[in-house]
Amino acid sequence: MWYDRDHIEALEASEIESDHEVFDLFWTWVRVIEGVDLEDEQLTNQIKNAYIKSVDISKGEHRSILIAS
């Protein structure tokens, strides 16, 4: 799985409550996704498309990614 570690860490460090909610929601989503069989190409493509829709391509957010461990 790929994600922008700097952005997630900034959410965690933020003093804004809604940022913490997004941080928690992200990690909840990660745990759900890790439990899903992604061998299904259609499901993988749906997740990929949902991710692309969630980032601002004009800011290059999709280029700032790391492999989650």
Foldseek 3Di string as FASTA:
>chain_A
DKAQVVQLVCLVPDPDPVSVVVNVVVVVVVVVVVPDPPPPPVVVVVVVVVVVVVDDVVVVRVVRIDDDD
